[in-house]
PDB file of N, CA and C in Angstrom:
ATOM      1  N   UNK A   1     -11.694   2.916  -6.901  1.00  0.00           N
ATOM      2  CA  UNK A   1     -11.237   1.817  -7.696  1.00  0.00           C
ATOM      3  C   UNK A   1     -10.123   1.100  -6.924  1.00  0.00           C
ATOM      4  N   UNK A   2     -10.216  -0.205  -6.862  1.00  0.00           N
ATOM      5  CA  UNK A   2      -9.213  -0.968  -6.115  1.00  0.00           C
ATOM      6  C   UNK A   2      -7.910  -1.053  -6.888  1.00  0.00           C
ATOM      7  N   UNK A   3      -6.832  -0.686  -6.238  1.00  0.00           N
ATOM      8  CA  UNK A   3      -5.497  -0.787  -6.812  1.00  0.00           C
ATOM      9  C   UNK A   3      -4.922  -2.163  -6.502  1.00  0.00           C
ATOM     10  N   UNK A   4      -5.054  -2.582  -5.247  1.00  0.00           N
ATOM     11  CA  UNK A   4      -4.582  -3.901  -4.849  1.00  0.00           C
ATOM     12  C   UNK A   4      -5.196  -4.297  -3.518  1.00  0.00           C
ATOM     13  N   UNK A   5      -5.310  -5.595  -3.316  1.00  0.00           N
ATOM     14  CA  UNK A   5      -5.678  -6.179  -2.028  1.00  0.00           C
ATOM     15  C   UNK A   5      -4.703  -7.319  -1.806  1.00  0.00           C
ATOM     16  N   UNK A   6      -4.076  -7.342  -0.645  1.00  0.00           N
ATOM     17  CA  UNK A   6      -3.027  -8.328  -0.403  1.00  0.00           C
ATOM     18  C   UNK A   6      -3.087  -8.872   1.009  1.00  0.00           C
ATOM     19  N   UNK A   7      -2.960 -10.193   1.116  1.00  0.00           N
ATOM     20  CA  UNK A   7      -2.760 -10.812   2.416  1.00  0.00           C
ATOM     21  C   UNK A   7      -1.289 -10.614   2.764  1.00  0.00           C
ATOM     22  N   UNK A   8      -1.039 -10.112   3.950  1.00  0.00           N
ATOM     23  CA  UNK A   8       0.329  -9.779   4.333  1.00  0.00           C
ATOM     24  C   UNK A   8       1.146 -11.018   4.666  1.00  0.00           C
ATOM     25  N   UNK A   9       2.382 -11.004   4.191  1.00  0.00           N
ATOM     26  CA  UNK A   9       3.339 -12.054   4.536  1.00  0.00           C
ATOM     27  C   UNK A   9       4.110 -11.616   5.779  1.00  0.00           C
ATOM     28  N   UNK A  10       4.887 -12.517   6.323  1.00  0.00           N
ATOM     29  CA  UNK A  10       5.722 -12.164   7.465  1.00  0.00           C
ATOM     30  C   UNK A  10       6.713 -11.068   7.127  1.00  0.00           C
ATOM     31  N   UNK A  11       7.279 -11.118   5.926  1.00  0.00           N
ATOM     32  CA  UNK A  11       8.249 -10.080   5.549  1.00  0.00           C
ATOM     33  C   UNK A  11       7.575  -8.725   5.325  1.00  0.00           C
ATOM     34  N   UNK A  12       6.303  -8.717   4.881  1.00  0.00           N
ATOM     35  CA  UNK A  12       5.576  -7.452   4.725  1.00  0.00           C
ATOM     36  C   UNK A  12       5.426  -6.731   6.060  1.00  0.00           C
ATOM     37  N   UNK A  13       5.322  -7.493   7.141  1.00  0.00           N
ATOM     38  CA  UNK A  13       5.094  -6.890   8.455  1.00  0.00           C
ATOM     39  C   UNK A  13       6.374  -6.683   9.263  1.00  0.00           C
ATOM     40  N   UNK A  14       7.480  -7.244   8.803  1.00  0.00           N
ATOM     41  CA  UNK A  14       8.706  -7.116   9.594  1.00  0.00           C
ATOM     42  C   UNK A  14       9.838  -6.374   8.894  1.00  0.00           C
ATOM     43  N   UNK A  15       9.765  -6.185   7.592  1.00  0.00           N
ATOM     44  CA  UNK A  15      10.880  -5.582   6.844  1.00  0.00           C
ATOM     45  C   UNK A  15      10.683  -4.117   6.489  1.00  0.00           C
ATOM     46  N   UNK A  16       9.659  -3.478   7.032  1.00  0.00           N
ATOM     47  CA  UNK A  16       9.383  -2.060   6.775  1.00  0.00           C
ATOM     48  C   UNK A  16       9.125  -1.756   5.313  1.00  0.00           C
ATOM     49  N   UNK A  17       8.687  -2.781   4.570  1.00  0.00           N
ATOM     50  CA  UNK A  17       8.275  -2.567   3.191  1.00  0.00           C
ATOM     51  C   UNK A  17       7.271  -3.633   2.790  1.00  0.00           C
ATOM     52  N   UNK A  18       6.362  -3.246   1.926  1.00  0.00           N
ATOM     53  CA  UNK A  18       5.296  -4.118   1.447  1.00  0.00           C
ATOM     54  C   UNK A  18       5.588  -4.481   0.002  1.00  0.00           C
ATOM     55  N   UNK A  19       5.718  -5.769  -0.266  1.00  0.00           N
ATOM     56  CA  UNK A  19       5.889  -6.210  -1.650  1.00  0.00           C
ATOM     57  C   UNK A  19       4.591  -5.897  -2.382  1.00  0.00           C
ATOM     58  N   UNK A  20       4.700  -5.186  -3.491  1.00  0.00           N
ATOM     59  CA  UNK A  20       3.552  -4.640  -4.199  1.00  0.00           C
ATOM     60  C   UNK A  20       3.348  -5.393  -5.511  1.00  0.00           C
ATOM     61  N   UNK A  21       2.113  -5.776  -5.844  1.00  0.00           N
ATOM     62  CA  UNK A  21       1.885  -6.515  -7.089  1.00  0.00           C
ATOM     63  C   UNK A  21       2.233  -5.687  -8.335  1.00  0.00           C
ATOM     64  N   UNK A  22       3.021  -6.254  -9.220  1.00  0.00           N
ATOM     65  CA  UNK A  22       3.435  -5.569 -10.448  1.00  0.00           C
ATOM     66  C   UNK A  22       2.228  -5.129 -11.269  1.00  0.00           C
ATOM     67  N   UNK A  23       1.180  -5.951 -11.297  1.00  0.00           N
ATOM     68  CA  UNK A  23       0.008  -5.621 -12.106  1.00  0.00           C
ATOM     69  C   UNK A  23      -0.754  -4.403 -11.586  1.00  0.00           C
ATOM     70  N   UNK A  24      -0.389  -3.901 -10.425  1.00  0.00           N
ATOM     71  CA  UNK A  24      -1.043  -2.712  -9.872  1.00  0.00           C
ATOM     72  C   UNK A  24      -0.258  -1.425 -10.103  1.00  0.00           C
ATOM     73  N   UNK A  25       0.862  -1.515 -10.795  1.00  0.00           N
ATOM     74  CA  UNK A  25       1.675  -0.319 -11.063  1.00  0.00           C
ATOM     75  C   UNK A  25       0.955   0.711 -11.927  1.00  0.00           C
ATOM     76  N   UNK A  26      -0.091   0.316 -12.633  1.00  0.00           N
ATOM     77  CA  UNK A  26      -0.847   1.239 -13.491  1.00  0.00           C
ATOM     78  C   UNK A  26      -1.359   2.452 -12.711  1.00  0.00           C
ATOM     79  N   UNK A  27      -1.527   2.297 -11.393  1.00  0.00           N
ATOM     80  CA  UNK A  27      -2.115   3.367 -10.572  1.00  0.00           C
ATOM     81  C   UNK A  27      -1.128   4.479 -10.224  1.00  0.00           C
ATOM     82  N   UNK A  28       0.129   4.343 -10.641  1.00  0.00           N
ATOM     83  CA  UNK A  28       1.149   5.329 -10.287  1.00  0.00           C
ATOM     84  C   UNK A  28       1.916   5.761 -11.529  1.00  0.00           C
ATOM     85  N   UNK A  29       2.179   7.038 -11.607  1.00  0.00           N
ATOM     86  CA  UNK A  29       2.982   7.577 -12.708  1.00  0.00           C
ATOM     87  C   UNK A  29       4.395   7.808 -12.209  1.00  0.00           C
ATOM     88  N   UNK A  30       5.292   6.897 -12.558  1.00  0.00           N
ATOM     89  CA  UNK A  30       6.688   7.079 -12.184  1.00  0.00           C
ATOM     90  C   UNK A  30       7.321   8.064 -13.159  1.00  0.00           C
ATOM     91  N   UNK A  31       7.916   9.138 -12.648  1.00  0.00           N
ATOM     92  CA  UNK A  31       8.562  10.113 -13.536  1.00  0.00           C
ATOM     93  C   UNK A  31       9.660   9.453 -14.364  1.00  0.00           C
ATOM     94  N   UNK A  32       9.812   9.888 -15.600  1.00  0.00           N
ATOM     95  CA  UNK A  32      10.836   9.333 -16.498  1.00  0.00           C
ATOM     96  C   UNK A  32      12.204   9.419 -15.837  1.00  0.00           C
ATOM     97  N   UNK A  33      12.931   8.312 -15.866  1.00  0.00           N
ATOM     98  CA  UNK A  33      14.275   8.277 -15.306  1.00  0.00           C
ATOM     99  C   UNK A  33      14.326   8.057 -13.809  1.00  0.00           C
ATOM    100  N   UNK A  34      13.173   7.935 -13.160  1.00  0.00           N
ATOM    101  CA  UNK A  34      13.151   7.709 -11.710  1.00  0.00           C
ATOM    102  C   UNK A  34      12.554   6.340 -11.417  1.00  0.00           C
ATOM    103  N   UNK A  35      12.949   5.777 -10.277  1.00  0.00           N
ATOM    104  CA  UNK A  35      12.431   4.461  -9.921  1.00  0.00           C
ATOM    105  C   UNK A  35      11.503   4.505  -8.700  1.00  0.00           C
ATOM    106  N   UNK A  36      11.061   5.709  -8.297  1.00  0.00           N
ATOM    107  CA  UNK A  36      10.154   5.785  -7.152  1.00  0.00           C
ATOM    108  C   UNK A  36       9.301   7.052  -7.227  1.00  0.00           C
ATOM    109  N   UNK A  37       8.202   7.007  -6.510  1.00  0.00           N
ATOM    110  CA  UNK A  37       7.328   8.176  -6.383  1.00  0.00           C
ATOM    111  C   UNK A  37       6.636   8.093  -5.016  1.00  0.00           C
ATOM    112  N   UNK A  38       6.516   9.235  -4.365  1.00  0.00           N
ATOM    113  CA  UNK A  38       5.838   9.295  -3.070  1.00  0.00           C
ATOM    114  C   UNK A  38       4.374   9.671  -3.271  1.00  0.00           C
ATOM    115  N   UNK A  39       3.520   9.177  -2.369  1.00  0.00           N
ATOM    116  CA  UNK A  39       2.100   9.500  -2.410  1.00  0.00           C
ATOM    117  C   UNK A  39       1.545   9.414  -0.996  1.00  0.00           C
ATOM    118  N   UNK A  40       0.428  10.063  -0.780  1.00  0.00           N
ATOM    119  CA  UNK A  40      -0.254   9.996   0.511  1.00  0.00           C
ATOM    120  C   UNK A  40      -1.459   9.075   0.380  1.00  0.00           C
ATOM    121  N   UNK A  41      -1.630   8.215   1.367  1.00  0.00           N
ATOM    122  CA  UNK A  41      -2.814   7.370   1.453  1.00  0.00           C
ATOM    123  C   UNK A  41      -3.450   7.626   2.815  1.00  0.00           C
ATOM    124  N   UNK A  42      -4.747   7.778   2.833  1.00  0.00           N
ATOM    125  CA  UNK A  42      -5.485   8.087   4.056  1.00  0.00           C
ATOM    126  C   UNK A  42      -6.132   6.806   4.570  1.00  0.00           C
ATOM    127  N   UNK A  43      -6.021   6.561   5.879  1.00  0.00           N
ATOM    128  CA  UNK A  43      -6.651   5.366   6.442  1.00  0.00           C
ATOM    129  C   UNK A  43      -8.114   5.647   6.776  1.00  0.00           C
ATOM    130  N   UNK A  44      -8.791   4.695   7.380  1.00  0.00           N
ATOM    131  CA  UNK A  44     -10.217   4.825   7.674  1.00  0.00           C
ATOM    132  C   UNK A  44     -10.508   5.869   8.751  1.00  0.00           C
ATOM    133  N   UNK A  45      -9.477   6.290   9.475  1.00  0.00           N
ATOM    134  CA  UNK A  45      -9.628   7.343  10.482  1.00  0.00           C
ATOM    135  C   UNK A  45      -9.221   8.703   9.911  1.00  0.00           C
ATOM    136  N   UNK A  46      -9.018   8.763   8.603  1.00  0.00           N
ATOM    137  CA  UNK A  46      -8.584   9.959   7.876  1.00  0.00           C
ATOM    138  C   UNK A  46      -7.195  10.437   8.269  1.00  0.00           C
ATOM    139  N   UNK A  47      -6.376   9.529   8.772  1.00  0.00           N
ATOM    140  CA  UNK A  47      -4.978   9.854   9.059  1.00  0.00           C
ATOM    141  C   UNK A  47      -4.159   9.615   7.789  1.00  0.00           C
ATOM    142  N   UNK A  48      -3.414  10.620   7.339  1.00  0.00           N
ATOM    143  CA  UNK A  48      -2.598  10.428   6.140  1.00  0.00           C
ATOM    144  C   UNK A  48      -1.305   9.676   6.452  1.00  0.00           C
ATOM    145  N   UNK A  49      -0.895   8.856   5.494  1.00  0.00           N
ATOM    146  CA  UNK A  49       0.349   8.104   5.580  1.00  0.00           C
ATOM    147  C   UNK A  49       1.161   8.415   4.327  1.00  0.00           C
ATOM    148  N   UNK A  50       2.392   8.865   4.519  1.00  0.00           N
ATOM    149  CA  UNK A  50       3.282   9.186   3.393  1.00  0.00           C
ATOM    150  C   UNK A  50       3.990   7.895   2.979  1.00  0.00           C
ATOM    151  N   UNK A  51       3.624   7.392   1.816  1.00  0.00           N
ATOM    152  CA  UNK A  51       4.174   6.144   1.320  1.00  0.00           C
ATOM    153  C   UNK A  51       4.981   6.393   0.059  1.00  0.00           C
ATOM    154  N   UNK A  52       5.817   5.440  -0.267  1.00  0.00           N
ATOM    155  CA  UNK A  52       6.682   5.565  -1.435  1.00  0.00           C
ATOM    156  C   UNK A  52       6.666   4.245  -2.185  1.00  0.00           C
ATOM    157  N   UNK A  53       6.338   4.291  -3.462  1.00  0.00           N
ATOM    158  CA  UNK A  53       6.398   3.089  -4.292  1.00  0.00           C
ATOM    159  C   UNK A  53       7.674   3.140  -5.109  1.00  0.00           C
ATOM    160  N   UNK A  54       8.397   2.026  -5.119  1.00  0.00           N
ATOM    161  CA  UNK A  54       9.682   1.951  -5.819  1.00  0.00           C
ATOM    162  C   UNK A  54       9.719   0.691  -6.674  1.00  0.00           C
ATOM    163  N   UNK A  55      10.539   0.749  -7.711  1.00  0.00           N
ATOM    164  CA  UNK A  55      10.807  -0.421  -8.544  1.00  0.00           C
ATOM    165  C   UNK A  55      12.318  -0.560  -8.705  1.00  0.00           C
ATOM    166  N   UNK A  56      12.744  -1.752  -9.066  1.00  0.00           N
ATOM    167  CA  UNK A  56      14.177  -1.990  -9.285  1.00  0.00           C
ATOM    168  C   UNK A  56      14.670  -1.199 -10.489  1.00  0.00           C
ATOM    169  N   UNK A  57      15.931  -0.780 -10.433  1.00  0.00           N
ATOM    170  CA  UNK A  57      16.564  -0.105 -11.570  1.00  0.00           C
ATOM    171  C   UNK A  57      17.015  -1.102 -12.624  1.00  0.00           C
ATOM    172  N   UNK A  58      17.312  -2.310 -12.187  1.00  0.00           N
ATOM    173  CA  UNK A  58      17.847  -3.323 -13.086  1.00  0.00           C
ATOM    174  C   UNK A  58      17.049  -4.607 -12.934  1.00  0.00           C
ATOM    175  N   UNK A  59      17.209  -5.488 -13.896  1.00  0.00           N
ATOM    176  CA  UNK A  59      16.554  -6.786 -13.820  1.00  0.00           C
ATOM    177  C   UNK A  59      15.402  -6.885 -14.797  1.00  0.00           C
ATOM    178  N   UNK A  60      14.961  -8.099 -14.987  1.00  0.00           N
ATOM    179  CA  UNK A  60      13.923  -8.387 -15.970  1.00  0.00           C
ATOM    180  C   UNK A  60      12.550  -7.876 -15.515  1.00  0.00           C
ATOM    181  N   UNK A  61      12.293  -7.903 -14.224  1.00  0.00           N
ATOM    182  CA  UNK A  61      10.989  -7.515 -13.678  1.00  0.00           C
ATOM    183  C   UNK A  61      11.148  -6.310 -12.753  1.00  0.00           C
ATOM    184  N   UNK A  62      10.150  -5.427 -12.695  1.00  0.00           N
ATOM    185  CA  UNK A  62      10.276  -4.229 -11.847  1.00  0.00           C
ATOM    186  C   UNK A  62      10.258  -4.536 -10.350  1.00  0.00           C
ATOM    187  N   UNK A  63       9.569  -5.598  -9.911  1.00  0.00           N
ATOM    188  CA  UNK A  63       9.513  -6.030  -8.512  1.00  0.00           C
ATOM    189  C   UNK A  63       9.224  -4.860  -7.552  1.00  0.00           C
ATOM    190  N   UNK A  64       8.061  -4.243  -7.671  1.00  0.00           N
ATOM    191  CA  UNK A  64       7.750  -3.046  -6.874  1.00  0.00           C
ATOM    192  C   UNK A  64       7.536  -3.337  -5.383  1.00  0.00           C
ATOM    193  N   UNK A  65       7.756  -2.300  -4.576  1.00  0.00           N
ATOM    194  CA  UNK A  65       7.496  -2.371  -3.148  1.00  0.00           C
ATOM    195  C   UNK A  65       7.071  -1.001  -2.649  1.00  0.00           C
ATOM    196  N   UNK A  66       6.390  -1.005  -1.511  1.00  0.00           N
ATOM    197  CA  UNK A  66       5.977   0.231  -0.839  1.00  0.00           C
ATOM    198  C   UNK A  66       6.785   0.365   0.439  1.00  0.00           C
ATOM    199  N   UNK A  67       7.326   1.560   0.657  1.00  0.00           N
ATOM    200  CA  UNK A  67       8.063   1.860   1.894  1.00  0.00           C
ATOM    201  C   UNK A  67       7.558   3.195   2.421  1.00  0.00           C
ATOM    202  N   UNK A  68       8.434   4.075   2.818  1.00  0.00           N
ATOM    203  CA  UNK A  68       7.999   5.338   3.430  1.00  0.00           C
ATOM    204  C   UNK A  68       7.530   5.060   4.847  1.00  0.00           C
ATOM    205  N   UNK A  69       6.326   5.477   5.180  1.00  0.00           N
ATOM    206  CA  UNK A  69       5.797   5.273   6.536  1.00  0.00           C
ATOM    207  C   UNK A  69       5.132   3.897   6.710  1.00  0.00           C
ATOM    208  N   UNK A  70       5.385   2.975   5.791  1.00  0.00           N
ATOM    209  CA  UNK A  70       4.793   1.649   5.887  1.00  0.00           C
ATOM    210  C   UNK A  70       5.126   0.976   7.227  1.00  0.00           C
ATOM    211  N   UNK A  71       6.381   1.022   7.646  1.00  0.00           N
ATOM    212  CA  UNK A  71       6.780   0.387   8.906  1.00  0.00           C
ATOM    213  C   UNK A  71       6.042   0.965  10.103  1.00  0.00           C
ATOM    214  N   UNK A  72       5.843   2.272  10.119  1.00  0.00           N
ATOM    215  CA  UNK A  72       5.098   2.924  11.208  1.00  0.00           C
ATOM    216  C   UNK A  72       3.630   2.515  11.146  1.00  0.00           C
ATOM    217  N   UNK A  73       3.086   2.433   9.939  1.00  0.00           N
ATOM    218  CA  UNK A  73       1.694   1.991   9.751  1.00  0.00           C
ATOM    219  C   UNK A  73       1.511   0.577  10.316  1.00  0.00           C
ATOM    220  N   UNK A  74       2.436  -0.314  10.005  1.00  0.00           N
ATOM    221  CA  UNK A  74       2.371  -1.690  10.503  1.00  0.00           C
ATOM    222  C   UNK A  74       2.367  -1.708  12.028  1.00  0.00           C
ATOM    223  N   UNK A  75       3.253  -0.926  12.627  1.00  0.00           N
ATOM    224  CA  UNK A  75       3.332  -0.884  14.093  1.00  0.00           C
ATOM    225  C   UNK A  75       2.066  -0.296  14.713  1.00  0.00           C
ATOM    226  N   UNK A  76       1.593   0.818  14.183  1.00  0.00           N
ATOM    227  CA  UNK A  76       0.426   1.476  14.768  1.00  0.00           C
ATOM    228  C   UNK A  76      -0.834   0.608  14.651  1.00  0.00           C
ATOM    229  N   UNK A  77      -0.984  -0.075  13.520  1.00  0.00           N
ATOM    230  CA  UNK A  77      -2.167  -0.912  13.304  1.00  0.00           C
ATOM    231  C   UNK A  77      -1.988  -2.316  13.870  1.00  0.00           C
ATOM    232  N   UNK A  78      -0.766  -2.595  14.353  1.00  0.00           N
ATOM    233  CA  UNK A  78      -0.429  -3.924  14.896  1.00  0.00           C
ATOM    234  C   UNK A  78      -0.720  -5.024  13.873  1.00  0.00           C
ATOM    235  N   UNK A  79      -0.290  -4.768  12.644  1.00  0.00           N
ATOM    236  CA  UNK A  79      -0.526  -5.719  11.567  1.00  0.00           C
ATOM    237  C   UNK A  79       0.342  -6.952  11.761  1.00  0.00           C
ATOM    238  N   UNK A  80      -0.181  -8.069  11.277  1.00  0.00           N
ATOM    239  CA  UNK A  80       0.546  -9.326  11.363  1.00  0.00           C
ATOM    240  C   UNK A  80       0.285 -10.154  10.112  1.00  0.00           C
ATOM    241  N   UNK A  81       1.073 -11.180   9.966  1.00  0.00           N
ATOM    242  CA  UNK A  81       0.921 -12.062   8.822  1.00  0.00           C
ATOM    243  C   UNK A  81      -0.515 -12.574   8.745  1.00  0.00           C
ATOM    244  N   UNK A  82      -1.075 -12.548   7.535  1.00  0.00           N
ATOM    245  CA  UNK A  82      -2.450 -13.003   7.338  1.00  0.00           C
ATOM    246  C   UNK A  82      -3.477 -11.892   7.331  1.00  0.00           C
ATOM    247  N   UNK A  83      -3.115 -10.701   7.840  1.00  0.00           N
ATOM    248  CA  UNK A  83      -4.023  -9.554   7.738  1.00  0.00           C
ATOM    249  C   UNK A  83      -4.092  -9.144   6.270  1.00  0.00           C
ATOM    250  N   UNK A  84      -5.107  -8.374   5.928  1.00  0.00           N
ATOM    251  CA  UNK A  84      -5.281  -7.940   4.543  1.00  0.00           C
ATOM    252  C   UNK A  84      -5.192  -6.422   4.470  1.00  0.00           C
ATOM    253  N   UNK A  85      -4.465  -5.938   3.470  1.00  0.00           N
ATOM    254  CA  UNK A  85      -4.371  -4.506   3.203  1.00  0.00           C
ATOM    255  C   UNK A  85      -4.910  -4.254   1.804  1.00  0.00           C
ATOM    256  N   UNK A  86      -5.792  -3.266   1.703  1.00  0.00           N
ATOM    257  CA  UNK A  86      -6.363  -2.873   0.417  1.00  0.00           C
ATOM    258  C   UNK A  86      -6.000  -1.417   0.166  1.00  0.00           C
ATOM    259  N   UNK A  87      -5.562  -1.137  -1.045  1.00  0.00           N
ATOM    260  CA  UNK A  87      -5.260   0.222  -1.460  1.00  0.00           C
ATOM    261  C   UNK A  87      -6.230   0.577  -2.577  1.00  0.00           C
ATOM    262  N   UNK A  88      -6.930   1.693  -2.407  1.00  0.00           N
ATOM    263  CA  UNK A  88      -7.862   2.149  -3.434  1.00  0.00           C
ATOM    264  C   UNK A  88      -7.442   3.524  -3.926  1.00  0.00           C
ATOM    265  N   UNK A  89      -7.893   3.849  -5.138  1.00  0.00           N
ATOM    266  CA  UNK A  89      -7.586   5.138  -5.743  1.00  0.00           C
ATOM    267  C   UNK A  89      -8.888   5.772  -6.217  1.00  0.00           C
ATOM    268  N   UNK A  90      -9.005   7.069  -5.979  1.00  0.00           N
ATOM    269  CA  UNK A  90     -10.193   7.807  -6.386  1.00  0.00           C
ATOM    270  C   UNK A  90      -9.741   9.010  -7.203  1.00  0.00           C
ATOM    271  N   UNK A  91     -10.240   9.103  -8.436  1.00  0.00           N
ATOM    272  CA  UNK A  91      -9.913  10.235  -9.312  1.00  0.00           C
ATOM    273  C   UNK A  91     -10.689  11.466  -8.876  1.00  0.00           C
ATOM    274  N   UNK A  92     -10.012  12.595  -8.851  1.00  0.00           N
ATOM    275  CA  UNK A  92     -10.642  13.868  -8.526  1.00  0.00           C
ATOM    276  C   UNK A  92     -10.926  14.643  -9.813  1.00  0.00           C
ATOM    277  N   UNK A  93     -11.821  15.596  -9.736  1.00  0.00           N
ATOM    278  CA  UNK A  93     -12.174  16.393 -10.916  1.00  0.00           C
ATOM    279  C   UNK A  93     -10.983  17.159 -11.486  1.00  0.00           C
ATOM    280  N   UNK A  94     -10.036  17.522 -10.616  1.00  0.00           N
ATOM    281  CA  UNK A  94      -8.868  18.280 -11.075  1.00  0.00           C
ATOM    282  C   UNK A  94      -7.775  17.386 -11.659  1.00  0.00           C
ATOM    283  N   UNK A  95      -8.038  16.088 -11.776  1.00  0.00           N
ATOM    284  CA  UNK A  95      -7.076  15.165 -12.356  1.00  0.00           C
ATOM    285  C   UNK A  95      -6.163  14.499 -11.345  1.00  0.00           C
ATOM    286  N   UNK A  96      -6.190  14.946 -10.102  1.00  0.00           N
ATOM    287  CA  UNK A  96      -5.360  14.340  -9.057  1.00  0.00           C
ATOM    288  C   UNK A  96      -5.986  13.022  -8.600  1.00  0.00           C
ATOM    289  N   UNK A  97      -5.177  12.188  -7.970  1.00  0.00           N
ATOM    290  CA  UNK A  97      -5.654  10.924  -7.420  1.00  0.00           C
ATOM    291  C   UNK A  97      -5.573  10.962  -5.903  1.00  0.00           C
ATOM    292  N   UNK A  98      -6.598  10.466  -5.256  1.00  0.00           N
ATOM    293  CA  UNK A  98      -6.589  10.278  -3.811  1.00  0.00           C
ATOM    294  C   UNK A  98      -6.513   8.787  -3.540  1.00  0.00           C
ATOM    295  N   UNK A  99      -5.683   8.407  -2.563  1.00  0.00           N
ATOM    296  CA  UNK A  99      -5.514   7.003  -2.217  1.00  0.00           C
ATOM    297  C   UNK A  99      -6.021   6.761  -0.804  1.00  0.00           C
ATOM    298  N   UNK A 100      -6.593   5.579  -0.596  1.00  0.00           N
ATOM    299  CA  UNK A 100      -7.053   5.163   0.727  1.00  0.00           C
ATOM    300  C   UNK A 100      -6.441   3.799   1.013  1.00  0.00           C
ATOM    301  N   UNK A 101      -5.968   3.612   2.252  1.00  0.00           N
ATOM    302  CA  UNK A 101      -5.395   2.342   2.672  1.00  0.00           C
ATOM    303  C   UNK A 101      -6.279   1.772   3.789  1.00  0.00           C
ATOM    304  N   UNK A 102      -6.629   0.516   3.646  1.00  0.00           N
ATOM    305  CA  UNK A 102      -7.550  -0.138   4.579  1.00  0.00           C
ATOM    306  C   UNK A 102      -6.882  -1.411   5.085  1.00  0.00           C
ATOM    307  N   UNK A 103      -6.797  -1.559   6.401  1.00  0.00           N
ATOM    308  CA  UNK A 103      -6.235  -2.758   7.018  1.00  0.00           C
ATOM    309  C   UNK A 103      -7.370  -3.556   7.652  1.00  0.00           C
ATOM    310  N   UNK A 104      -7.359  -4.870   7.396  1.00  0.00           N
ATOM    311  CA  UNK A 104      -8.419  -5.726   7.927  1.00  0.00           C
ATOM    312  C   UNK A 104      -7.834  -7.009   8.502  1.00  0.00           C
ATOM    313  N   UNK A 105      -8.571  -7.575   9.452  1.00  0.00           N
ATOM    314  CA  UNK A 105      -8.195  -8.846  10.062  1.00  0.00           C
ATOM    315  C   UNK A 105      -9.393  -9.777   9.987  1.00  0.00           C
ATOM    316  N   UNK A 106      -9.113 -11.025   9.703  1.00  0.00           N
ATOM    317  CA  UNK A 106     -10.182 -12.021   9.597  1.00  0.00           C
ATOM    318  C   UNK A 106     -10.471 -12.605  10.973  1.00  0.00           C
ATOM    319  N   UNK A 107     -11.751 -12.633  11.321  1.00  0.00           N
ATOM    320  CA  UNK A 107     -12.180 -13.165  12.612  1.00  0.00           C
ATOM    321  C   UNK A 107     -13.447 -13.977  12.387  1.00  0.00           C
ATOM    322  N   UNK A 108     -13.388 -15.258  12.684  1.00  0.00           N
ATOM    323  CA  UNK A 108     -14.517 -16.162  12.481  1.00  0.00           C
ATOM    324  C   UNK A 108     -15.050 -16.107  11.055  1.00  0.00           C
ATOM    325  N   UNK A 109     -14.140 -16.047  10.085  1.00  0.00           N
ATOM    326  CA  UNK A 109     -14.525 -16.099   8.683  1.00  0.00           C
ATOM    327  C   UNK A 109     -14.936 -14.773   8.054  1.00  0.00           C
ATOM    328  N   UNK A 110     -14.922 -13.677   8.823  1.00  0.00           N
ATOM    329  CA  UNK A 110     -15.318 -12.371   8.302  1.00  0.00           C
ATOM    330  C   UNK A 110     -14.162 -11.383   8.468  1.00  0.00           C
ATOM    331  N   UNK A 111     -14.038 -10.476   7.485  1.00  0.00           N
ATOM    332  CA  UNK A 111     -12.995  -9.449   7.542  1.00  0.00           C
ATOM    333  C   UNK A 111     -13.530  -8.217   8.259  1.00  0.00           C
ATOM    334  N   UNK A 112     -12.744  -7.727   9.225  1.00  0.00           N
ATOM    335  CA  UNK A 112     -13.122  -6.533   9.999  1.00  0.00           C
ATOM    336  C   UNK A 112     -12.018  -5.491   9.899  1.00  0.00           C
ATOM    337  N   UNK A 113     -12.412  -4.244   9.787  1.00  0.00           N
ATOM    338  CA  UNK A 113     -11.447  -3.157   9.742  1.00  0.00           C
ATOM    339  C   UNK A 113     -10.686  -3.088  11.058  1.00  0.00           C
ATOM    340  N   UNK A 114      -9.375  -2.947  10.961  1.00  0.00           N
ATOM    341  CA  UNK A 114      -8.549  -2.804  12.151  1.00  0.00           C
ATOM    342  C   UNK A 114      -8.691  -1.409  12.735  1.00  0.00           C
ATOM    343  N   UNK A 115      -9.094  -0.445  11.914  1.00  0.00           N
ATOM    344  CA  UNK A 115      -9.230   0.951  12.381  1.00  0.00           C
ATOM    345  C   UNK A 115     -10.419   1.164  13.294  1.00  0.00           C
ATOM    346  N   UNK A 116     -11.400   0.292  13.250  1.00  0.00           N
ATOM    347  CA  UNK A 116     -12.626   0.535  14.030  1.00  0.00           C
ATOM    348  C   UNK A 116     -12.530  -0.048  15.412  1.00  0.00           C
TER     349      UNK A 116
END
């Protein structure tokens, strides 16, 4: 199930954090009283990435973002503004969630996986 798909901005690729759509927060259970939770997302090469989703403690809107190993992921995949990142979630029989992160670049009108 798709959690989010986002075209990367310049700040997403240079600030070591990805601005995360508020409407996609449903995919994460933030513990009561906490403003962040860590999770692992596996890329197309089955490499795990330790990511952290956080929200603001104050303010009218939660304004979520992803950090953790996001900056390393950006560097390793050589992501740039205009690339697309998709995060998917898969429910397991034991109730746990598995996440997959997919990076793509548009070339001649078609999206191609950066991992391949």
